[in-house]
Amino acid sequence: SNKLTSSGHNLFVPDIPTLNATVGKIFYHKVNATGLGLGFYDYTELFDINKHEGVIQFTPTEKMLGTHRIWIRVKDAIGNEQYKTITLNIIK
């Protein structure tokens, strides 16, 4: 595929380490990514990622307990995209 890229502005999303969140406490994580005009998207009902900042912030509830594997998609202004999986452990 002939995706337009300009040198130094390639979309890059490093792997996301396993994350732990505690029921009743605010969880905060910023997804690191470099590129032009980034947009962040999640595929989960647990939280809504901030589309422009890549920030995940929410307070887990009891019914969210357990290990979740969550897809995150990062897209740049010129149509490149990357998917990353987050393993999120919600504990008491």
C-alpha atoms as a PDB file:
ATOM      1  CA  SER A   1       0.000   0.000   0.000  1.00  0.00           C
ATOM      2  CA  ASN A   2       1.313   3.444  -0.876  1.00  0.00           C
ATOM      3  CA  LYS A   3       0.657   5.300   2.344  1.00  0.00           C
ATOM      4  CA  LEU A   4       1.925   8.855   2.257  1.00  0.00           C
ATOM      5  CA  THR A   5       4.587   9.396   4.904  1.00  0.00           C
ATOM      6  CA  SER A   6       6.903  12.288   5.518  1.00  0.00           C
ATOM      7  CA  SER A   7      10.221  11.483   7.077  1.00  0.00           C
ATOM      8  CA  GLY A   8      10.330  12.002  10.830  1.00  0.00           C
ATOM      9  CA  HIS A   9       6.545  11.974  11.133  1.00  0.00           C
ATOM     10  CA  ASN A  10       5.857   8.259  10.894  1.00  0.00           C
ATOM     11  CA  LEU A  11       3.181   6.915  13.200  1.00  0.00           C
ATOM     12  CA  PHE A  12       4.793   5.068  16.088  1.00  0.00           C
ATOM     13  CA  VAL A  13       2.972   3.501  19.035  1.00  0.00           C
ATOM     14  CA  PRO A  14       5.209   1.652  21.522  1.00  0.00           C
ATOM     15  CA  ASP A  15       3.905  -1.499  23.187  1.00  0.00           C
ATOM     16  CA  ILE A  16       1.802  -0.832  26.266  1.00  0.00           C
ATOM     17  CA  PRO A  17       2.838  -2.678  29.447  1.00  0.00           C
ATOM     18  CA  THR A  18       0.342  -4.622  31.555  1.00  0.00           C
ATOM     19  CA  LEU A  19      -1.660  -2.104  33.591  1.00  0.00           C
ATOM     20  CA  ASN A  20      -3.259  -2.509  37.013  1.00  0.00           C
ATOM     21  CA  ALA A  21      -6.278  -0.593  38.267  1.00  0.00           C
ATOM     22  CA  THR A  22      -7.966  -0.732  41.669  1.00  0.00           C
ATOM     23  CA  VAL A  23     -11.719  -0.735  42.292  1.00  0.00           C
ATOM     24  CA  GLY A  24     -12.871   2.636  43.629  1.00  0.00           C
ATOM     25  CA  LYS A  25      -9.659   4.495  42.772  1.00  0.00           C
ATOM     26  CA  ILE A  26      -9.181   6.749  39.769  1.00  0.00           C
ATOM     27  CA  PHE A  27      -7.088   5.048  37.106  1.00  0.00           C
ATOM     28  CA  TYR A  28      -4.986   7.190  34.765  1.00  0.00           C
ATOM     29  CA  HIS A  29      -2.813   6.167  31.838  1.00  0.00           C
ATOM     30  CA  LYS A  30      -1.651   8.113  28.794  1.00  0.00           C
ATOM     31  CA  VAL A  31      -1.024   6.077  25.661  1.00  0.00           C
ATOM     32  CA  ASN A  32       2.275   7.187  24.154  1.00  0.00           C
ATOM     33  CA  ALA A  33       2.341   7.733  20.415  1.00  0.00           C
ATOM     34  CA  THR A  34       4.162   9.935  17.949  1.00  0.00           C
ATOM     35  CA  GLY A  35       2.847  11.144  14.620  1.00  0.00           C
ATOM     36  CA  LEU A  36       0.839  13.889  12.966  1.00  0.00           C
ATOM     37  CA  GLY A  37      -2.714  14.734  14.042  1.00  0.00           C
ATOM     38  CA  LEU A  38      -3.240  11.640  16.156  1.00  0.00           C
ATOM     39  CA  GLY A  39      -6.634  10.235  17.040  1.00  0.00           C
ATOM     40  CA  PHE A  40      -7.139   7.543  19.713  1.00  0.00           C
ATOM     41  CA  TYR A  41      -9.992   5.023  19.762  1.00  0.00           C
ATOM     42  CA  ASP A  42     -10.916   2.221  22.169  1.00  0.00           C
ATOM     43  CA  TYR A  43     -12.856  -1.000  21.752  1.00  0.00           C
ATOM     44  CA  THR A  44     -14.185  -1.492  25.263  1.00  0.00           C
ATOM     45  CA  GLU A  45     -17.137  -0.568  27.448  1.00  0.00           C
ATOM     46  CA  LEU A  46     -14.876  -0.008  30.468  1.00  0.00           C
ATOM     47  CA  PHE A  47     -13.792   3.508  29.519  1.00  0.00           C
ATOM     48  CA  ASP A  48     -13.628   6.063  26.729  1.00  0.00           C
ATOM     49  CA  ILE A  49     -10.124   7.061  25.715  1.00  0.00           C
ATOM     50  CA  ASN A  50      -9.636  10.792  25.131  1.00  0.00           C
ATOM     51  CA  LYS A  51      -9.634  10.971  21.343  1.00  0.00           C
ATOM     52  CA  HIS A  52      -7.060  13.749  21.073  1.00  0.00           C
ATOM     53  CA  GLU A  53      -4.836  13.199  24.120  1.00  0.00           C
ATOM     54  CA  GLY A  54      -4.742   9.412  24.378  1.00  0.00           C
ATOM     55  CA  VAL A  55      -5.634   9.605  28.067  1.00  0.00           C
ATOM     56  CA  ILE A  56      -7.521   6.781  29.774  1.00  0.00           C
ATOM     57  CA  GLN A  57      -9.116   7.912  33.022  1.00  0.00           C
ATOM     58  CA  PHE A  58     -11.901   6.163  34.892  1.00  0.00           C
ATOM     59  CA  THR A  59     -12.824   4.682  38.274  1.00  0.00           C
ATOM     60  CA  PRO A  60     -13.256   0.886  38.114  1.00  0.00           C
ATOM     61  CA  THR A  61     -16.258  -0.687  39.807  1.00  0.00           C
ATOM     62  CA  GLU A  62     -16.658  -4.114  41.447  1.00  0.00           C
ATOM     63  CA  LYS A  63     -18.342  -5.557  38.356  1.00  0.00           C
ATOM     64  CA  MET A  64     -15.234  -4.715  36.300  1.00  0.00           C
ATOM     65  CA  LEU A  65     -12.987  -6.993  38.411  1.00  0.00           C
ATOM     66  CA  GLY A  66     -10.700  -9.284  36.464  1.00  0.00           C
ATOM     67  CA  THR A  67      -8.294  -9.236  33.547  1.00  0.00           C
ATOM     68  CA  HIS A  68      -9.348  -7.445  30.385  1.00  0.00           C
ATOM     69  CA  ARG A  69      -7.645  -7.427  26.992  1.00  0.00           C
ATOM     70  CA  ILE A  70      -8.494  -4.172  25.257  1.00  0.00           C
ATOM     71  CA  TRP A  71      -7.825  -3.019  21.702  1.00  0.00           C
ATOM     72  CA  ILE A  72      -6.671   0.559  21.205  1.00  0.00           C
ATOM     73  CA  ARG A  73      -6.420   2.081  17.730  1.00  0.00           C
ATOM     74  CA  VAL A  74      -4.221   5.067  16.957  1.00  0.00           C
ATOM     75  CA  LYS A  75      -4.685   6.833  13.631  1.00  0.00           C
ATOM     76  CA  ASP A  76      -2.766   9.754  12.177  1.00  0.00           C
ATOM     77  CA  ALA A  77      -3.806  12.608   9.891  1.00  0.00           C
ATOM     78  CA  ILE A  78      -2.519  10.895   6.762  1.00  0.00           C
ATOM     79  CA  GLY A  79      -4.378   7.635   7.220  1.00  0.00           C
ATOM     80  CA  ASN A  80      -1.814   5.392   8.908  1.00  0.00           C
ATOM     81  CA  GLU A  81      -3.114   3.406  11.851  1.00  0.00           C
ATOM     82  CA  GLN A  82      -1.817   1.002  14.462  1.00  0.00           C
ATOM     83  CA  TYR A  83      -3.626  -1.303  16.855  1.00  0.00           C
ATOM     84  CA  LYS A  84      -2.279  -2.109  20.298  1.00  0.00           C
ATOM     85  CA  THR A  85      -3.581  -4.500  22.935  1.00  0.00           C
ATOM     86  CA  ILE A  86      -3.704  -3.423  26.567  1.00  0.00           C
ATOM     87  CA  THR A  87      -3.870  -6.061  29.275  1.00  0.00           C
ATOM     88  CA  LEU A  88      -5.673  -4.356  32.162  1.00  0.00           C
ATOM     89  CA  ASN A  89      -6.000  -6.073  35.547  1.00  0.00           C
ATOM     90  CA  ILE A  90      -8.730  -4.636  37.731  1.00  0.00           C
ATOM     91  CA  ILE A  91      -8.160  -5.623  41.342  1.00  0.00           C
ATOM     92  CA  LYS A  92      -9.579  -4.875  44.786  1.00  0.00           C
END
